[in-house]
Amino acid sequence: MTAQLKSSSSMASSLVRRQLGDKLDALRIRADNDHRCGVTPSLRKAEQAIMAGRYPDAGRFLQDAEEKLDQRAAAREAAAAAEAAERQARRRGVLTAHTPGGPSTRDGFLWLVKKGRVTPHRRDAGQRYGELYARARGDSIKSALNDNVGGRAGDSPADARLRAVFDLDAANLHIYRAMGEAHGRRLVALLEAVCGIGTTLREVAGGDDRKAAILEADLMTALDMEAIHFGVCR
């Protein structure tokens, strides 16, 4: 009986080791295709932990690396989707034109605010998201709700943009983690379209008022979550 238990334990250990090794190899391939991901130290620690038989530690290091790679992949996809949406919005005349000596407005979100459809904490969250979106894209557009959209005092334009990129990624990741990747992406795309680009919900819905009402409910959910993330809940 003792020999059987030892044999079973050895087989289980070998299986875990093989699974961790396979995951390590897969993450290395992803890291090789994302040269600035910064996960090499975690992967190296995971390899050392596997060699030493410290499988729980190895699993944690691999999970950290995978989460960072997933976050970067999600940010790239979100940026590509936002660029495509912005191009489409410009072609359809959705974006508000710049006014001489003044900022343009994000009409989709501003319309909801002016109609009283947005609670104060949702308004603050949407405004904050729109400001981050503009700075992350290097946009000089200011919010029609608040002109104070700059970065920290003393930040260069490049530093302010980089800080905004990281802050926007963190805001999006908060939704991905809470809602799951598929639904989270839909909510983030909605935030980008309405609060970032300025598209109206009716435009997003293709003119379908019933669909626009559903999207408005989704947007409010996303704004509630970002209000928690930004700490603007009242």
Protein backbone atom coordinates (compact mmCIF):
# COMPACT_ATOMS: atom_id res chain seq x y z
CA MET A 1 0.00 0.00 0.00
CA THR A 2 2.82 2.39 0.93
CA ALA A 3 4.58 1.68 -2.37
CA GLN A 4 1.37 2.36 -4.28
CA LEU A 5 0.88 5.66 -2.49
CA LYS A 6 4.45 6.70 -3.25
CA SER A 7 3.98 5.73 -6.88
CA SER A 8 0.74 7.72 -7.15
CA SER A 9 2.33 10.73 -5.49
CA SER A 10 5.29 10.55 -7.86
CA MET A 11 3.01 10.36 -10.88
CA ALA A 12 0.96 13.33 -9.68
CA SER A 13 4.13 15.34 -9.09
CA SER A 14 5.42 14.51 -12.56
CA LEU A 15 2.10 15.57 -14.09
CA VAL A 16 2.13 18.92 -12.28
CA ARG A 17 5.74 19.48 -13.29
CA ARG A 18 4.93 18.73 -16.93
CA GLN A 19 1.88 21.01 -16.91
CA LEU A 20 3.87 23.87 -15.40
CA GLY A 21 6.65 23.31 -17.91
CA ASP A 22 4.18 23.41 -20.81
CA LYS A 23 2.69 26.64 -19.51
CA LEU A 24 6.15 28.13 -19.08
CA ASP A 25 7.01 27.29 -22.70
CA ALA A 26 3.75 28.82 -23.95
CA LEU A 27 4.32 32.04 -22.00
CA ARG A 28 7.88 32.28 -23.27
CA ILE A 29 6.57 32.20 -26.83
CA ARG A 30 4.14 35.01 -26.02
CA ALA A 31 6.89 37.00 -24.31
CA ASP A 32 9.16 36.60 -27.35
CA ASN A 33 6.43 38.22 -29.45
CA ASP A 34 6.00 41.09 -26.98
CA HIS A 35 9.51 42.36 -26.42
CA ARG A 36 8.62 45.05 -23.89
CA CYS A 37 6.33 42.93 -21.74
CA GLY A 38 8.75 42.77 -18.82
CA VAL A 39 7.76 39.26 -17.72
CA THR A 40 11.17 37.62 -18.19
CA PRO A 41 12.09 37.86 -14.46
CA SER A 42 8.83 36.13 -13.49
CA LEU A 43 9.39 33.40 -16.05
CA ARG A 44 12.95 32.88 -14.83
CA LYS A 45 11.74 32.59 -11.24
CA ALA A 46 9.06 30.14 -12.35
CA GLU A 47 11.66 27.96 -14.07
CA GLN A 48 13.85 27.94 -10.96
CA ALA A 49 10.86 27.05 -8.78
CA ILE A 50 9.92 24.16 -11.10
CA MET A 51 13.48 22.84 -10.98
CA ALA A 52 13.42 23.00 -7.18
CA GLY A 53 10.03 21.30 -6.94
CA ARG A 54 8.35 24.42 -5.53
CA TYR A 55 5.31 24.05 -7.73
CA PRO A 56 2.95 26.46 -5.89
CA ASP A 57 5.57 29.21 -6.20
CA ALA A 58 6.05 28.38 -9.86
CA GLY A 59 2.31 28.60 -10.43
CA ARG A 60 2.16 32.07 -8.85
CA PHE A 61 5.05 33.37 -10.96
CA LEU A 62 3.45 32.00 -14.11
CA GLN A 63 0.09 33.52 -13.19
CA ASP A 64 1.70 36.93 -12.66
CA ALA A 65 3.37 36.73 -16.07
CA GLU A 66 0.19 35.56 -17.78
CA GLU A 67 -1.90 38.36 -16.26
CA LYS A 68 0.59 40.98 -17.44
CA LEU A 69 0.69 39.52 -20.95
CA ASP A 70 -3.12 39.37 -21.03
CA GLN A 71 -3.36 42.98 -19.88
CA ARG A 72 -0.99 44.16 -22.60
CA ALA A 73 -2.82 42.13 -25.25
CA ALA A 74 -6.16 43.55 -24.13
CA ALA A 75 -4.76 47.09 -24.22
CA ARG A 76 -3.47 46.59 -27.77
CA GLU A 77 -6.80 45.22 -28.95
CA ALA A 78 -8.72 48.00 -27.21
CA ALA A 79 -6.48 50.63 -28.80
CA ALA A 80 -6.96 49.11 -32.25
CA ALA A 81 -10.73 48.95 -31.76
CA ALA A 82 -10.81 52.55 -30.53
CA GLU A 83 -8.82 53.75 -33.53
CA ALA A 84 -11.17 51.95 -35.88
CA ALA A 85 -14.19 53.41 -34.09
CA GLU A 86 -12.71 56.90 -34.23
CA ARG A 87 -12.03 56.63 -37.95
CA GLN A 88 -15.60 55.50 -38.50
CA ALA A 89 -16.96 58.27 -36.29
CA ARG A 90 -15.01 60.89 -38.20
CA ARG A 91 -16.27 59.56 -41.52
CA ARG A 92 -19.84 59.73 -40.24
CA GLY A 93 -19.39 63.20 -38.76
CA VAL A 94 -19.99 62.08 -35.19
CA LEU A 95 -17.05 63.90 -33.62
CA THR A 96 -17.62 67.53 -32.77
CA ALA A 97 -15.39 69.92 -34.65
CA HIS A 98 -12.76 71.98 -32.85
CA THR A 99 -13.77 75.55 -32.17
CA PRO A 100 -11.28 78.40 -32.63
CA GLY A 101 -9.45 79.00 -29.38
CA GLY A 102 -11.39 76.37 -27.51
CA PRO A 103 -11.84 72.63 -27.02
CA SER A 104 -14.24 70.36 -28.75
CA THR A 105 -16.87 68.52 -26.73
CA ARG A 106 -17.54 64.83 -26.40
CA ASP A 107 -21.15 65.13 -27.46
CA GLY A 108 -22.27 61.55 -26.77
CA PHE A 109 -21.54 61.64 -23.06
CA LEU A 110 -22.26 65.34 -22.66
CA TRP A 111 -25.74 64.84 -24.13
CA LEU A 112 -26.51 62.22 -21.47
CA VAL A 113 -25.28 64.55 -18.73
CA LYS A 114 -27.30 67.51 -19.97
CA LYS A 115 -30.42 65.35 -20.20
CA GLY A 116 -30.02 64.34 -16.55
CA ARG A 117 -29.52 60.68 -17.47
CA VAL A 118 -26.26 60.37 -15.52
CA THR A 119 -25.86 60.47 -11.73
CA PRO A 120 -23.04 62.59 -10.26
CA HIS A 121 -20.70 59.67 -9.61
CA ARG A 122 -21.27 58.29 -13.10
CA ARG A 123 -20.69 61.74 -14.57
CA ASP A 124 -17.38 62.04 -12.71
CA ALA A 125 -16.32 58.55 -13.78
CA GLY A 126 -17.20 59.20 -17.43
CA GLN A 127 -15.43 62.53 -17.38
CA ARG A 128 -12.33 60.96 -15.85
CA TYR A 129 -12.37 58.15 -18.41
CA GLY A 130 -12.74 60.60 -21.30
CA GLU A 131 -9.86 62.71 -20.04
CA LEU A 132 -7.59 59.67 -19.73
CA TYR A 133 -8.62 58.51 -23.19
CA ALA A 134 -7.76 61.89 -24.71
CA ARG A 135 -4.38 62.13 -22.97
CA ALA A 136 -3.48 58.52 -23.78
CA ARG A 137 -3.99 59.33 -27.47
CA GLY A 138 -2.00 62.54 -27.22
CA ASP A 139 -5.18 64.55 -27.81
CA SER A 140 -5.36 68.16 -26.68
CA ILE A 141 -9.17 68.04 -26.54
CA LYS A 142 -10.53 69.11 -23.18
CA SER A 143 -13.72 67.99 -21.54
CA ALA A 144 -16.68 70.30 -21.85
CA LEU A 145 -17.46 69.42 -18.22
CA ASN A 146 -14.07 70.31 -16.77
CA ASP A 147 -11.09 72.00 -18.39
CA ASN A 148 -8.58 70.67 -15.86
CA VAL A 149 -7.46 67.56 -17.68
CA GLY A 150 -3.69 67.82 -17.53
CA GLY A 151 -1.31 65.35 -15.94
CA ARG A 152 0.65 65.94 -12.77
CA ALA A 153 2.43 69.23 -12.31
CA GLY A 154 5.81 69.14 -14.02
CA ASP A 155 4.95 66.28 -16.36
CA SER A 156 6.25 66.61 -19.89
CA PRO A 157 3.68 65.88 -22.63
CA ALA A 158 5.31 62.49 -23.20
CA ASP A 159 5.23 61.65 -19.48
CA ALA A 160 1.61 62.76 -19.17
CA ARG A 161 0.62 60.60 -22.12
CA LEU A 162 2.49 57.55 -20.79
CA ARG A 163 0.91 57.98 -17.36
CA ALA A 164 -2.52 58.22 -18.98
CA VAL A 165 -1.91 55.04 -21.00
CA PHE A 166 -1.12 53.08 -17.83
CA ASP A 167 -4.05 54.62 -15.94
CA LEU A 168 -6.44 53.84 -18.81
CA ASP A 169 -5.14 50.26 -19.00
CA ALA A 170 -5.77 49.87 -15.27
CA ALA A 171 -9.31 51.24 -15.63
CA ASN A 172 -10.04 48.81 -18.46
CA LEU A 173 -8.47 45.89 -16.59
CA HIS A 174 -10.78 46.58 -13.63
CA ILE A 175 -13.74 45.86 -15.91
CA TYR A 176 -12.15 42.83 -17.61
CA ARG A 177 -11.48 41.19 -14.26
CA ALA A 178 -14.92 41.90 -12.87
CA MET A 179 -17.00 41.05 -15.93
CA GLY A 180 -14.91 38.51 -17.81
CA GLU A 181 -13.05 39.16 -21.02
CA ALA A 182 -15.91 38.93 -23.54
CA HIS A 183 -18.46 41.11 -21.71
CA GLY A 184 -15.70 43.33 -20.36
CA ARG A 185 -14.52 44.15 -23.87
CA ARG A 186 -18.03 45.19 -24.87
CA LEU A 187 -18.30 47.52 -21.89
CA VAL A 188 -14.86 49.02 -22.50
CA ALA A 189 -15.65 49.55 -26.19
CA LEU A 190 -18.83 51.36 -25.13
CA LEU A 191 -16.90 53.61 -22.73
CA GLU A 192 -14.38 54.41 -25.44
CA ALA A 193 -17.07 55.19 -28.00
CA VAL A 194 -19.28 57.39 -25.78
CA CYS A 195 -16.95 58.89 -23.16
CA GLY A 196 -13.76 58.84 -25.22
CA ILE A 197 -14.65 59.46 -28.86
CA GLY A 198 -17.98 61.17 -28.31
CA THR A 199 -20.27 58.86 -30.25
CA THR A 200 -23.93 58.95 -29.22
CA LEU A 201 -25.59 55.77 -28.03
CA ARG A 202 -28.00 55.99 -30.95
CA GLU A 203 -25.05 56.08 -33.34
CA VAL A 204 -23.49 53.07 -31.64
CA ALA A 205 -26.84 51.27 -31.94
CA GLY A 206 -27.08 52.02 -35.64
CA GLY A 207 -30.18 54.16 -35.16
CA ASP A 208 -32.08 51.44 -33.29
CA ASP A 209 -33.69 53.17 -30.29
CA ARG A 210 -34.46 49.94 -28.47
CA LYS A 211 -30.86 48.78 -28.79
CA ALA A 212 -29.68 52.23 -27.70
CA ALA A 213 -31.71 51.85 -24.49
CA ILE A 214 -30.03 48.52 -23.79
CA LEU A 215 -26.62 50.05 -24.48
CA GLU A 216 -27.42 52.90 -22.10
CA ALA A 217 -28.02 50.39 -19.30
CA ASP A 218 -24.71 48.70 -20.15
CA LEU A 219 -22.95 52.07 -20.13
CA MET A 220 -24.32 52.85 -16.67
CA THR A 221 -22.98 49.51 -15.43
CA ALA A 222 -19.55 50.34 -16.86
CA LEU A 223 -19.63 53.82 -15.32
CA ASP A 224 -20.57 52.38 -11.91
CA MET A 225 -17.56 50.07 -12.08
CA GLU A 226 -15.22 52.86 -13.12
CA ALA A 227 -16.60 55.07 -10.35
CA ILE A 228 -15.45 52.39 -7.91
CA HIS A 229 -12.07 52.15 -9.63
CA PHE A 230 -11.53 55.92 -9.66
CA GLY A 231 -12.84 56.31 -6.12
CA VAL A 232 -15.55 58.83 -7.03
CA CYS A 233 -18.54 56.98 -5.54
CA ARG A 234 -20.70 59.08 -3.28
